[in-house]
Amino acid sequence: MDSTLYTRPDTVPDPTATPVLSLREAVCAKLRAAVLDGEFGPRERLAEMRLAARFGVSRTPVREALARLLADGLIERGDGGFFVTIPNLTQLKDFYELRATLELRGIVRAVEDSSIRHNTTILTAELDRWYAMREQPPTPDPRFVVQDERFHAELSRASGNPALTDALVVVSERIRRVRMHDFLTQERVETTIAEHIEIMEFVRDGRLGEGYRALHAHVGDSMTVVMERAQRAMTQMALHADRL
């Protein structure tokens, strides 16, 4: 499943053009995707020489990529090298709270200002994707989290504040390694699909109060519920660390 979460409209490349990336950018993009896709275990050291051999490059661009991911908070420096960052429960609580605040604000700003309208073109296109998934639900897969993140990013983007969306994308990446293990049952996947459709239909139809309540319930009515889910996901992450 594609790990690319969100691309702002003004940066969407021409599909007929060949993207030109420097070696440093290419290595960074590949390493970032591998980290976000859970290809490295929680205790697996990200060794420069091994990564250089994996990507067929010298250690210099690998070293630069590691520095970039370190600055982004996706990896951390530990004993003997770099390791993928796994938030602890306290950090997760903070990230989940911030995520909920950013998501709900996208609807609240339209409630507070009647001149703000959600972009129906964005909503309709995203709804079509989820209608298709409702007809043919995907099998449980940790990487379903990428589809989930895209929904929330597009719902935010439709609200018209790019800064909110950019912040949401950053927070979502920080907790993806844990959240991806929240999609391991068919019931969870199908429930997510149904809730996404309900939320977006409310917003599309201008029923913002109902949309807000549905989104609030979707991201967690209470921090207790959120943390119970996060703890279960962390347990599953440990159990499935070698299966991705």
Protein backbone atom coordinates (compact mmCIF):
# COMPACT_ATOMS: atom_id res chain seq x y z
CA MET A 1 0.00 0.00 0.00
CA ASP A 2 1.37 3.42 -0.91
CA SER A 3 2.87 5.29 2.03
CA THR A 4 2.40 8.73 0.49
CA LEU A 5 -0.08 10.39 2.78
CA TYR A 6 -0.79 13.83 1.47
CA THR A 7 0.41 16.11 -1.30
CA ARG A 8 -0.70 19.71 -1.36
CA PRO A 9 -2.56 20.62 -4.58
CA ASP A 10 0.04 23.15 -5.67
CA THR A 11 2.78 20.53 -5.51
CA VAL A 12 1.06 17.76 -7.46
CA PRO A 13 3.47 16.81 -10.26
CA ASP A 14 2.59 16.63 -13.93
CA PRO A 15 1.80 12.92 -14.49
CA THR A 16 3.53 13.08 -17.88
CA ALA A 17 6.73 14.49 -16.41
CA THR A 18 9.60 12.50 -14.95
CA PRO A 19 10.28 13.70 -11.40
CA VAL A 20 13.86 14.75 -10.83
CA LEU A 21 15.21 14.07 -7.36
CA SER A 22 18.72 14.49 -6.15
CA LEU A 23 20.41 11.40 -4.78
CA ARG A 24 20.06 12.81 -1.28
CA GLU A 25 16.34 13.47 -1.74
CA ALA A 26 15.73 10.05 -3.24
CA VAL A 27 17.48 8.22 -0.40
CA CYS A 28 15.66 10.33 2.18
CA ALA A 29 12.29 9.60 0.53
CA LYS A 30 12.99 5.85 0.41
CA LEU A 31 14.17 5.71 4.01
CA ARG A 32 11.23 7.80 5.19
CA ALA A 33 8.78 5.47 3.42
CA ALA A 34 10.46 2.39 4.92
CA VAL A 35 10.29 3.86 8.42
CA LEU A 36 6.63 4.90 8.09
CA ASP A 37 5.68 1.54 6.57
CA GLY A 38 7.06 -0.28 9.61
CA GLU A 39 9.82 -2.08 7.73
CA PHE A 40 12.20 -1.72 10.68
CA GLY A 41 11.63 -3.34 14.05
CA PRO A 42 11.36 -1.24 17.22
CA ARG A 43 14.82 -2.33 18.35
CA GLU A 44 16.48 -2.61 14.93
CA ARG A 45 19.50 -0.36 14.53
CA LEU A 46 19.52 1.76 11.38
CA ALA A 47 23.13 1.12 10.42
CA GLU A 48 24.62 3.41 7.78
CA MET A 49 26.53 0.67 5.96
CA ARG A 50 23.53 -1.65 5.80
CA LEU A 51 21.26 1.12 4.54
CA ALA A 52 23.86 2.23 1.99
CA ALA A 53 23.97 -1.32 0.61
CA ARG A 54 20.17 -1.50 0.59
CA PHE A 55 19.83 1.68 -1.47
CA GLY A 56 22.98 1.15 -3.55
CA VAL A 57 24.60 4.41 -2.50
CA SER A 58 27.52 5.64 -0.42
CA ARG A 59 27.14 6.36 3.29
CA THR A 60 27.01 10.14 2.77
CA PRO A 61 23.41 10.43 1.47
CA VAL A 62 22.32 7.85 4.05
CA ARG A 63 23.90 9.92 6.81
CA GLU A 64 22.08 13.01 5.52
CA ALA A 65 18.78 11.13 5.34
CA LEU A 66 19.18 9.91 8.92
CA ALA A 67 19.84 13.47 10.05
CA ARG A 68 16.65 14.65 8.32
CA LEU A 69 14.50 11.92 9.86
CA LEU A 70 16.06 12.64 13.26
CA ALA A 71 15.08 16.31 12.92
CA ASP A 72 11.54 15.25 11.94
CA GLY A 73 11.24 13.08 15.05
CA LEU A 74 10.74 9.85 13.10
CA ILE A 75 13.95 8.30 14.41
CA GLU A 76 15.98 8.82 17.56
CA ARG A 77 19.57 8.36 18.62
CA GLY A 78 20.15 5.47 21.02
CA ASP A 79 22.93 3.21 22.21
CA GLY A 80 25.07 2.39 19.20
CA GLY A 81 23.12 4.28 16.54
CA PHE A 82 19.70 5.32 15.30
CA PHE A 83 16.37 3.59 15.93
CA VAL A 84 12.78 4.20 14.85
CA THR A 85 10.96 6.44 17.32
CA ILE A 86 8.15 4.69 19.17
CA PRO A 87 6.11 7.14 21.28
CA ASN A 88 5.45 6.13 24.87
CA LEU A 89 1.93 6.31 26.26
CA THR A 90 2.39 9.81 27.65
CA GLN A 91 3.59 11.09 24.28
CA LEU A 92 0.80 9.23 22.51
CA LYS A 93 -1.77 10.90 24.74
CA ASP A 94 -0.38 14.31 23.80
CA PHE A 95 -0.27 13.49 20.09
CA TYR A 96 -3.80 12.03 20.07
CA GLU A 97 -5.13 15.10 21.87
CA LEU A 98 -3.44 17.39 19.35
CA ARG A 99 -4.72 15.31 16.44
CA ALA A 100 -8.31 15.52 17.70
CA THR A 101 -8.01 19.27 18.22
CA LEU A 102 -6.70 19.85 14.69
CA GLU A 103 -9.34 17.64 13.09
CA LEU A 104 -12.31 19.11 14.92
CA ARG A 105 -11.12 22.65 14.25
CA GLY A 106 -11.66 22.11 10.54
CA ILE A 107 -15.41 21.84 11.18
CA VAL A 108 -15.61 24.31 14.05
CA ARG A 109 -14.17 27.15 11.96
CA ALA A 110 -16.99 26.68 9.45
CA VAL A 111 -19.56 26.67 12.26
CA GLU A 112 -18.15 29.88 13.70
CA ASP A 113 -17.88 31.67 10.34
CA SER A 114 -20.82 31.21 7.99
CA SER A 115 -18.74 32.52 5.06
CA ILE A 116 -16.52 29.43 5.21
CA ARG A 117 -17.66 26.57 3.01
CA HIS A 118 -16.06 23.17 2.70
CA ASN A 119 -14.81 22.37 -0.78
CA THR A 120 -17.40 19.96 -2.19
CA THR A 121 -15.12 18.87 -5.03
CA ILE A 122 -12.59 17.52 -2.52
CA LEU A 123 -15.31 15.93 -0.39
CA THR A 124 -17.01 14.26 -3.36
CA ALA A 125 -13.78 12.81 -4.72
CA GLU A 126 -12.82 11.38 -1.34
CA LEU A 127 -16.31 10.03 -0.73
CA ASP A 128 -16.16 8.16 -4.03
CA ARG A 129 -13.04 6.35 -2.80
CA TRP A 130 -14.76 5.29 0.39
CA TYR A 131 -17.97 4.27 -1.39
CA ALA A 132 -15.81 1.93 -3.51
CA MET A 133 -14.21 0.51 -0.36
CA ARG A 134 -17.64 -0.02 1.18
CA GLU A 135 -18.63 -2.09 -1.84
CA GLN A 136 -15.40 -4.10 -1.71
CA PRO A 137 -13.87 -3.76 1.76
CA PRO A 138 -10.10 -4.29 1.81
CA THR A 139 -8.72 -7.10 3.92
CA PRO A 140 -7.26 -6.13 7.31
CA ASP A 141 -3.79 -4.71 6.84
CA PRO A 142 -1.73 -2.43 9.11
CA ARG A 143 -1.06 -0.20 6.10
CA PHE A 144 -4.76 0.59 5.88
CA VAL A 145 -3.73 3.41 8.21
CA VAL A 146 -2.48 5.29 5.13
CA GLN A 147 -6.01 5.29 3.71
CA ASP A 148 -7.34 6.42 7.07
CA GLU A 149 -4.84 9.27 7.23
CA ARG A 150 -5.72 10.36 3.71
CA PHE A 151 -9.39 10.64 4.65
CA HIS A 152 -8.65 12.90 7.59
CA ALA A 153 -6.17 15.00 5.60
CA GLU A 154 -8.67 15.51 2.78
CA LEU A 155 -11.48 16.37 5.19
CA SER A 156 -9.16 18.95 6.74
CA ARG A 157 -8.02 20.25 3.34
CA ALA A 158 -11.63 20.77 2.31
CA SER A 159 -12.06 23.17 5.24
CA GLY A 160 -9.73 25.63 3.52
CA ASN A 161 -6.93 26.12 6.06
CA PRO A 162 -3.72 24.56 4.68
CA ALA A 163 -1.84 25.19 7.94
CA LEU A 164 -4.29 23.00 9.85
CA THR A 165 -3.87 20.23 7.30
CA ASP A 166 -0.08 20.42 7.29
CA ALA A 167 0.00 20.22 11.09
CA LEU A 168 -2.39 17.26 11.05
CA VAL A 169 -0.21 15.40 8.55
CA VAL A 170 2.87 15.86 10.75
CA VAL A 171 1.07 14.60 13.86
CA SER A 172 -0.38 11.63 11.97
CA GLU A 173 3.09 10.57 10.85
CA ARG A 174 4.38 10.69 14.40
CA ILE A 175 1.77 8.18 15.61
CA ARG A 176 1.44 6.04 12.47
CA ARG A 177 3.76 3.33 13.75
CA VAL A 178 1.32 2.67 16.59
CA ARG A 179 -1.97 3.39 14.82
CA MET A 180 -1.24 1.04 11.93
CA HIS A 181 -1.74 -1.88 14.31
CA ASP A 182 -5.27 -0.72 15.06
CA PHE A 183 -6.51 -2.10 11.71
CA LEU A 184 -5.99 -5.83 12.10
CA THR A 185 -9.61 -7.03 12.07
CA GLN A 186 -12.24 -6.90 9.35
CA GLU A 187 -14.75 -5.38 11.76
CA ARG A 188 -12.40 -2.49 12.54
CA VAL A 189 -11.76 -1.80 8.86
CA GLU A 190 -15.45 -1.89 7.91
CA THR A 191 -16.47 0.23 10.90
CA THR A 192 -13.88 2.83 9.91
CA ILE A 193 -15.20 2.90 6.34
CA ALA A 194 -18.80 3.39 7.53
CA GLU A 195 -17.86 6.15 9.96
CA HIS A 196 -15.78 8.00 7.38
CA ILE A 197 -18.68 8.02 4.94
CA GLU A 198 -21.12 9.24 7.57
CA ILE A 199 -18.83 12.08 8.68
CA MET A 200 -18.08 13.30 5.19
CA GLU A 201 -21.70 13.11 4.04
CA PHE A 202 -22.75 15.28 6.99
CA VAL A 203 -20.10 17.87 6.13
CA ARG A 204 -20.87 17.74 2.40
CA ASP A 205 -24.56 18.34 3.11
CA GLY A 206 -23.84 21.28 5.42
CA ARG A 207 -24.98 19.40 8.53
CA LEU A 208 -21.94 20.61 10.43
CA GLY A 209 -23.25 20.00 13.94
CA GLU A 210 -23.91 16.35 13.14
CA GLY A 211 -20.59 16.13 11.31
CA TYR A 212 -18.77 17.52 14.34
CA ARG A 213 -20.41 15.05 16.70
CA ALA A 214 -19.71 12.13 14.38
CA LEU A 215 -16.08 13.15 13.97
CA HIS A 216 -15.70 13.67 17.71
CA ALA A 217 -17.01 10.16 18.35
CA HIS A 218 -14.79 8.77 15.61
CA VAL A 219 -11.53 10.18 16.98
CA GLY A 220 -12.49 9.26 20.55
CA ASP A 221 -15.15 10.57 22.90
CA SER A 222 -12.74 10.40 25.82
CA MET A 223 -9.03 10.11 26.32
CA THR A 224 -9.65 6.86 28.23
CA VAL A 225 -11.06 5.25 25.08
CA VAL A 226 -8.19 6.62 23.00
CA MET A 227 -5.52 5.34 25.37
CA GLU A 228 -7.12 1.89 25.63
CA ARG A 229 -7.02 1.65 21.85
CA ALA A 230 -3.43 2.91 21.75
CA GLN A 231 -2.36 0.33 24.33
CA ARG A 232 -3.97 -2.45 22.31
CA ALA A 233 -2.26 -1.17 19.18
CA MET A 234 1.12 -1.09 20.91
CA THR A 235 0.63 -4.67 22.05
CA GLN A 236 -0.22 -5.71 18.50
CA MET A 237 2.80 -3.80 17.21
CA ALA A 238 5.06 -5.85 19.46
CA LEU A 239 3.39 -9.11 18.41
CA HIS A 240 3.59 -8.32 14.68
CA ALA A 241 6.96 -6.58 14.61
CA ASP A 242 8.48 -9.20 12.33
CA ARG A 243 5.50 -9.70 10.02
CA LEU A 244 5.41 -6.46 8.04
